[in-house]
Amino acid sequence: MLTNIISMSLEQQLIIEKNFTKAFNKESLRQSLSSEDFKMYEKTLKVLEFAKGDVIFEDGEFPKGVYFIEKGTAKLFKSGVYGKDQILRFCKENDLLGYRSLLCGENFQANAEAMTPMKIQFLPSDVFLRLLEVDPKLSYAMLQKIAYELGESANTVTILAQKTVRERLAEILILLEQKLGTDPEGFIKISLTREEIANLIGTATESAIRLISEFKQDKLIAVEGRNFKILNRDKLIKLGHVVI
């Protein structure tokens, strides 16, 4: 039953991602846009490459466009008053960055940094807004995407406010696996330092290290350096009281 809950949520996530990528690609736009609008789209679309650790955009920067991830993983984070970073979420292939601030007409409210080598399609603000105006399929796909990500944000608030640190670690690992997928050996497709894990679950680095060690001893996860593999999903789901 617990596995079914996760599978249903993953299926929903994949459907929403598929709908968006189906609407936001060259062939689909070629069919749905006028010749003039499509030429404008083709002319202004740029492909950018980022190395691991490169900044994609910074908190407070004015949004000049949106960033569609063609390849790689990024993290969105905000720096606190004492210089400590708070990770907001991770973004992967087929995710779109920068649209929220653009649609709200405000500066970026977070930093975006490449966690792996990345290939990104950049589309200027005026062109992206024009596409939303003239393409109903893209507009609807964006609404679905916004609604899903709003739900993810609400779930994160619940995790941090109502669950113990142990429960939070269990749920975060499940969510990361669901969001980012696994490599052929079963490890979640992201490398995280112990400090980043602590940041995600809202605790001290020492506490995160101790919990990770306990999870290993309980054979819930396997760890190789900065990489994590879930060994017993059902127990982690039960431990984290995961309902997505």
Protein backbone atom coordinates (compact mmCIF):
# COMPACT_ATOMS: atom_id res chain seq x y z
CA MET A 1 0.00 0.00 0.00
CA LEU A 2 2.80 2.44 0.93
CA THR A 3 4.61 1.62 -2.30
CA ASN A 4 1.40 2.31 -4.23
CA ILE A 5 1.18 5.80 -2.71
CA ILE A 6 4.68 6.66 -3.92
CA SER A 7 4.11 5.04 -7.33
CA MET A 8 0.93 7.07 -7.87
CA SER A 9 2.70 10.30 -6.98
CA LEU A 10 5.64 9.43 -9.24
CA GLU A 11 3.22 8.65 -12.06
CA GLN A 12 1.56 12.04 -11.56
CA GLN A 13 4.93 13.78 -11.60
CA LEU A 14 5.94 12.03 -14.83
CA ILE A 15 2.64 12.91 -16.52
CA ILE A 16 3.03 16.60 -15.65
CA GLU A 17 6.66 16.62 -16.83
CA LYS A 18 5.66 14.86 -20.05
CA ASN A 19 2.86 17.35 -20.72
CA PHE A 20 5.23 20.28 -20.23
CA THR A 21 8.07 18.94 -22.36
CA LYS A 22 5.56 17.96 -25.03
CA ALA A 23 4.31 21.55 -25.18
CA PHE A 24 7.66 23.30 -24.67
CA ASN A 25 9.77 21.91 -27.52
CA LYS A 26 10.65 23.02 -30.99
CA GLU A 27 8.41 20.64 -32.94
CA SER A 28 5.34 21.32 -30.85
CA LEU A 29 5.89 25.07 -31.00
CA ARG A 30 6.42 24.88 -34.76
CA GLN A 31 2.91 23.46 -35.08
CA SER A 32 1.14 25.70 -32.57
CA LEU A 33 2.77 29.08 -33.29
CA SER A 34 2.36 31.40 -36.23
CA SER A 35 5.29 31.56 -38.62
CA GLU A 36 6.27 34.94 -37.23
CA ASP A 37 6.18 33.83 -33.58
CA PHE A 38 8.09 30.64 -34.32
CA LYS A 39 10.83 32.55 -36.11
CA MET A 40 11.12 34.86 -33.09
CA TYR A 41 11.39 31.81 -30.81
CA GLU A 42 14.09 30.17 -32.96
CA LYS A 43 16.06 33.37 -33.32
CA THR A 44 16.18 34.19 -29.60
CA LEU A 45 16.65 30.69 -28.14
CA LYS A 46 20.19 30.18 -26.80
CA VAL A 47 21.90 27.03 -25.57
CA LEU A 48 24.14 27.63 -22.55
CA GLU A 49 26.58 25.27 -20.83
CA PHE A 50 27.55 25.36 -17.16
CA ALA A 51 30.25 23.48 -15.27
CA LYS A 52 29.64 22.03 -11.81
CA GLY A 53 29.58 24.89 -9.30
CA ASP A 54 28.76 27.59 -11.87
CA VAL A 55 26.11 30.15 -10.91
CA ILE A 56 23.11 30.17 -13.25
CA PHE A 57 21.51 33.20 -11.63
CA GLU A 58 21.76 35.03 -8.31
CA ASP A 59 19.34 36.13 -5.62
CA GLY A 60 18.29 39.74 -6.30
CA GLU A 61 19.17 39.59 -10.00
CA PHE A 62 16.59 40.87 -12.47
CA PRO A 63 15.17 37.95 -14.52
CA LYS A 64 16.06 38.30 -18.18
CA GLY A 65 14.43 35.03 -19.21
CA VAL A 66 13.75 31.41 -18.31
CA TYR A 67 16.12 28.45 -18.20
CA PHE A 68 15.01 25.04 -19.46
CA ILE A 69 17.29 22.24 -18.27
CA GLU A 70 18.24 20.01 -21.16
CA LYS A 71 20.86 18.07 -19.18
CA GLY A 72 22.17 18.05 -15.61
CA THR A 73 21.05 18.97 -12.09
CA ALA A 74 20.87 22.33 -10.30
CA LYS A 75 19.99 23.47 -6.81
CA LEU A 76 17.97 26.49 -5.78
CA PHE A 77 19.08 27.94 -2.47
CA LYS A 78 18.85 31.08 -0.39
CA SER A 79 21.58 32.51 1.84
CA GLY A 80 20.56 33.34 5.43
CA VAL A 81 21.54 36.35 7.48
CA TYR A 82 24.46 34.43 9.03
CA GLY A 83 25.76 33.21 5.68
CA LYS A 84 24.26 29.73 5.96
CA ASP A 85 22.60 28.47 2.81
CA GLN A 86 19.10 27.00 2.80
CA ILE A 87 18.44 24.60 -0.08
CA LEU A 88 14.95 25.13 -1.46
CA ARG A 89 14.80 22.39 -4.07
CA PHE A 90 16.69 20.50 -6.74
CA CYS A 91 15.97 20.80 -10.45
CA LYS A 92 16.78 18.26 -13.14
CA GLU A 93 16.36 17.54 -16.83
CA ASN A 94 13.11 19.02 -18.25
CA ASP A 95 12.67 21.43 -15.32
CA LEU A 96 12.23 25.14 -15.91
CA LEU A 97 14.06 27.75 -13.81
CA GLY A 98 13.29 31.42 -13.32
CA TYR A 99 9.65 31.47 -14.38
CA ARG A 100 8.17 32.33 -10.96
CA SER A 101 10.05 35.61 -10.53
CA LEU A 102 9.46 36.46 -14.17
CA LEU A 103 5.69 35.93 -13.92
CA CYS A 104 5.55 37.86 -10.61
CA GLY A 105 7.54 40.76 -12.04
CA GLU A 106 10.16 40.63 -9.29
CA ASN A 107 13.87 39.95 -8.93
CA PHE A 108 15.04 36.39 -8.34
CA GLN A 109 14.39 35.31 -4.75
CA ALA A 110 17.02 32.57 -4.73
CA ASN A 111 20.34 31.47 -6.21
CA ALA A 112 20.61 28.73 -8.83
CA GLU A 113 23.83 26.72 -9.04
CA ALA A 114 24.87 23.80 -11.24
CA MET A 115 25.52 20.63 -9.26
CA THR A 116 26.68 18.74 -12.35
CA PRO A 117 27.78 19.80 -15.83
CA MET A 118 24.66 21.30 -17.39
CA LYS A 119 23.18 22.15 -20.77
CA ILE A 120 20.40 24.74 -20.60
CA GLN A 121 18.10 26.38 -23.13
CA PHE A 122 17.67 30.09 -22.36
CA LEU A 123 14.64 31.99 -23.66
CA PRO A 124 14.30 35.78 -23.15
CA SER A 125 11.47 37.07 -20.98
CA ASP A 126 9.44 38.80 -23.68
CA VAL A 127 9.54 35.75 -25.94
CA PHE A 128 8.50 33.35 -23.17
CA LEU A 129 5.60 35.60 -22.16
CA ARG A 130 4.54 35.83 -25.79
CA LEU A 131 4.49 32.02 -26.06
CA LEU A 132 2.26 31.77 -23.00
CA GLU A 133 -0.05 34.36 -24.50
CA VAL A 134 -0.55 32.65 -27.87
CA ASP A 135 -0.16 28.94 -27.04
CA PRO A 136 -3.00 27.50 -24.86
CA LYS A 137 -1.32 24.06 -24.58
CA LEU A 138 1.85 25.59 -23.17
CA SER A 139 -0.13 27.84 -20.80
CA TYR A 140 -2.08 24.87 -19.43
CA ALA A 141 1.08 22.79 -19.05
CA MET A 142 2.65 25.69 -17.11
CA LEU A 143 -0.38 25.88 -14.80
CA GLN A 144 -0.05 22.16 -14.08
CA LYS A 145 3.67 22.57 -13.39
CA ILE A 146 3.13 25.54 -11.06
CA ALA A 147 0.39 23.71 -9.15
CA TYR A 148 2.54 20.60 -8.71
CA GLU A 149 5.56 22.58 -7.50
CA LEU A 150 3.34 24.55 -5.10
CA GLY A 151 2.29 21.22 -3.63
CA GLU A 152 5.95 20.20 -3.29
CA SER A 153 6.68 23.44 -1.42
CA ALA A 154 3.72 22.92 0.94
CA ASN A 155 4.94 19.38 1.63
CA THR A 156 8.42 20.68 2.46
CA VAL A 157 6.98 23.14 5.00
CA THR A 158 5.04 20.29 6.62
CA ILE A 159 8.15 18.11 6.79
CA LEU A 160 10.20 20.79 8.54
CA ALA A 161 7.46 21.95 10.89
CA GLN A 162 5.84 18.73 12.07
CA LYS A 163 8.33 15.85 11.78
CA THR A 164 11.32 14.76 13.82
CA VAL A 165 14.78 14.97 12.28
CA ARG A 166 14.81 11.18 11.80
CA GLU A 167 11.46 11.30 10.00
CA ARG A 168 12.64 14.22 7.88
CA LEU A 169 15.75 12.38 6.72
CA ALA A 170 13.68 9.34 5.76
CA GLU A 171 11.23 11.42 3.74
CA ILE A 172 13.89 13.59 2.08
CA LEU A 173 15.70 10.48 0.81
CA ILE A 174 12.44 9.09 -0.62
CA LEU A 175 11.62 12.43 -2.27
CA LEU A 176 15.12 12.80 -3.75
CA GLU A 177 14.94 9.32 -5.24
CA GLN A 178 11.53 10.07 -6.70
CA LYS A 179 12.51 13.49 -8.05
CA LEU A 180 15.97 12.74 -9.42
CA GLY A 181 15.89 9.01 -10.13
CA THR A 182 18.70 6.48 -9.67
CA ASP A 183 21.76 5.37 -11.60
CA PRO A 184 22.23 1.76 -12.85
CA GLU A 185 23.62 0.78 -9.42
CA GLY A 186 20.59 2.18 -7.61
CA PHE A 187 22.21 5.32 -6.16
CA ILE A 188 20.22 8.56 -6.19
CA LYS A 189 21.42 10.77 -9.05
CA ILE A 190 22.97 13.48 -6.90
CA SER A 191 26.06 13.86 -4.72
CA LEU A 192 25.39 15.60 -1.42
CA THR A 193 27.76 16.63 1.35
CA ARG A 194 26.77 15.91 4.94
CA GLU A 195 26.32 19.67 5.37
CA GLU A 196 23.86 19.77 2.47
CA ILE A 197 21.93 16.84 3.94
CA ALA A 198 21.80 18.67 7.29
CA ASN A 199 20.61 21.78 5.47
CA LEU A 200 17.80 19.86 3.77
CA ILE A 201 16.46 18.35 6.98
CA GLY A 202 17.01 21.40 9.17
CA THR A 203 19.56 20.12 11.67
CA ALA A 204 23.23 20.39 12.63
CA THR A 205 25.79 18.63 10.47
CA GLU A 206 26.83 16.43 13.41
CA SER A 207 23.24 15.23 13.88
CA ALA A 208 22.94 14.44 10.16
CA ILE A 209 26.16 12.41 10.25
CA ARG A 210 24.89 10.42 13.25
CA LEU A 211 21.51 9.74 11.61
CA ILE A 212 23.08 8.63 8.34
CA SER A 213 25.27 6.22 10.30
CA GLU A 214 22.20 4.85 12.09
CA PHE A 215 20.33 4.40 8.80
CA LYS A 216 23.34 2.47 7.45
CA GLN A 217 23.46 0.25 10.51
CA ASP A 218 19.73 -0.43 10.21
CA LYS A 219 20.32 -1.37 6.54
CA LEU A 220 17.88 1.28 5.34
CA ILE A 221 20.47 2.88 3.04
CA ALA A 222 23.90 2.29 1.56
CA VAL A 223 26.40 5.16 1.36
CA GLU A 224 29.43 5.61 -0.88
CA GLY A 225 31.07 8.94 -0.20
CA ARG A 226 28.47 11.56 -1.07
CA ASN A 227 26.11 9.13 -2.80
CA PHE A 228 23.10 7.43 -1.24
CA LYS A 229 21.18 4.28 -2.15
CA ILE A 230 17.88 3.26 -0.62
CA LEU A 231 17.91 -0.39 0.45
CA ASN A 232 14.52 -0.65 2.16
CA ARG A 233 12.01 1.81 0.67
CA ASP A 234 8.99 0.49 2.55
CA LYS A 235 10.66 0.92 5.95
CA LEU A 236 11.84 4.43 5.05
CA ILE A 237 8.35 5.36 3.86
CA LYS A 238 6.87 4.05 7.11
CA LEU A 239 9.54 5.74 9.21
CA GLY A 240 9.00 9.07 7.47
CA HIS A 241 5.20 8.79 7.45
CA VAL A 242 5.39 9.61 3.77
CA VAL A 243 2.07 10.50 2.15
CA ILE A 244 2.64 12.40 -1.10
